[in-house]
Amino acid sequence: MQQAARSDIHLSEKSRPLPQSHTPTQVQKRDGSIASFDLSRIRSAIERAGKATGEFGELEAELLTAQVLKVLSYRHSDGPSNIE
């Protein structure tokens, strides 16, 4: 019985449309200017934060960077991301 319930949930999730996503190409800076999106800058900031706190290193920084890109891709699919 539990498998059937799981199967129903799985099928209903498949029927939902997925949001559009794309890799950002531009960001809007704090001063309003537009710059090219550079994922390595985000990765560097995350890695430096992890090293400064001693909480994580390069591998975790890479995984967190991938998550940031995923969120940005879905949230800012309509234009340049604001980095504020």
Protein backbone atom coordinates (compact mmCIF):
# COMPACT_ATOMS: atom_id res chain seq x y z
CA MET A 1 0.00 0.00 0.00
CA GLN A 2 2.80 2.43 0.84
CA GLN A 3 4.45 1.81 -2.52
CA ALA A 4 1.27 2.80 -4.33
CA ALA A 5 1.12 6.08 -2.40
CA ARG A 6 4.74 6.80 -3.26
CA SER A 7 4.06 5.99 -6.88
CA ASP A 8 1.12 8.43 -6.94
CA ILE A 9 3.26 11.19 -5.47
CA HIS A 10 5.99 10.49 -7.98
CA LEU A 11 3.56 10.63 -10.89
CA SER A 12 1.98 13.90 -9.73
CA GLU A 13 5.44 15.49 -9.43
CA LYS A 14 6.20 14.48 -13.01
CA SER A 15 3.09 16.20 -14.30
CA ARG A 16 4.08 19.60 -12.89
CA PRO A 17 5.85 21.83 -15.39
CA LEU A 18 9.42 22.72 -14.48
CA PRO A 19 10.38 26.39 -14.32
CA GLN A 20 12.54 27.75 -17.12
CA SER A 21 16.21 28.19 -16.31
CA HIS A 22 19.34 29.45 -17.98
CA THR A 23 22.90 30.18 -16.99
CA PRO A 24 23.26 33.90 -16.26
CA THR A 25 25.46 35.85 -18.65
CA GLN A 26 25.28 39.25 -16.96
CA VAL A 27 24.96 40.74 -13.48
CA GLN A 28 23.85 44.16 -12.35
CA LYS A 29 26.36 45.67 -9.94
CA ARG A 30 25.50 47.82 -6.92
CA ASP A 31 26.19 50.99 -8.90
CA GLY A 32 23.72 49.91 -11.58
CA SER A 33 26.30 48.99 -14.21
CA ILE A 34 26.09 45.67 -16.07
CA ALA A 35 29.03 43.23 -16.04
CA SER A 36 29.67 39.74 -17.38
CA PHE A 37 28.68 36.91 -15.07
CA ASP A 38 31.79 35.20 -13.66
CA LEU A 39 31.07 32.05 -11.67
CA SER A 40 34.71 31.82 -10.58
CA ARG A 41 34.26 35.00 -8.51
CA ILE A 42 31.38 33.40 -6.62
CA ARG A 43 33.38 30.21 -6.10
CA SER A 44 36.37 32.20 -4.86
CA ALA A 45 34.25 34.11 -2.33
CA ILE A 46 32.63 30.91 -1.05
CA GLU A 47 36.00 29.16 -0.79
CA ARG A 48 37.60 32.08 1.06
CA ALA A 49 34.66 32.17 3.50
CA GLY A 50 35.00 28.44 4.17
CA LYS A 51 38.73 28.70 4.77
CA ALA A 52 38.38 31.78 6.99
CA THR A 53 35.87 30.04 9.24
CA GLY A 54 37.46 26.60 8.99
CA GLU A 55 34.05 25.15 8.18
CA PHE A 56 34.79 23.73 4.71
CA GLY A 57 37.37 23.55 1.93
CA GLU A 58 37.61 23.43 -1.85
CA LEU A 59 35.31 20.47 -2.49
CA GLU A 60 32.44 21.87 -0.41
CA ALA A 61 32.99 25.29 -2.01
CA GLU A 62 32.59 23.68 -5.43
CA LEU A 63 29.35 21.98 -4.37
CA LEU A 64 27.98 25.20 -2.86
CA THR A 65 28.91 27.10 -6.02
CA ALA A 66 26.90 24.62 -8.09
CA GLN A 67 23.90 25.22 -5.82
CA VAL A 68 24.27 29.00 -6.14
CA LEU A 69 24.32 28.68 -9.93
CA LYS A 70 21.23 26.50 -9.83
CA VAL A 71 19.31 29.04 -7.74
CA LEU A 72 20.44 31.98 -9.88
CA SER A 73 19.47 30.12 -13.05
CA TYR A 74 15.88 29.72 -11.87
CA ARG A 75 15.36 32.97 -10.00
CA HIS A 76 16.87 35.32 -12.55
CA SER A 77 15.87 33.83 -15.87
CA ASP A 78 14.34 37.12 -17.02
CA GLY A 79 17.45 39.33 -17.12
CA PRO A 80 20.68 40.28 -15.37
CA SER A 81 20.98 39.15 -11.75
CA ASN A 82 21.31 41.91 -9.19
CA ILE A 83 24.28 41.09 -6.97
CA GLU A 84 23.11 43.23 -4.06
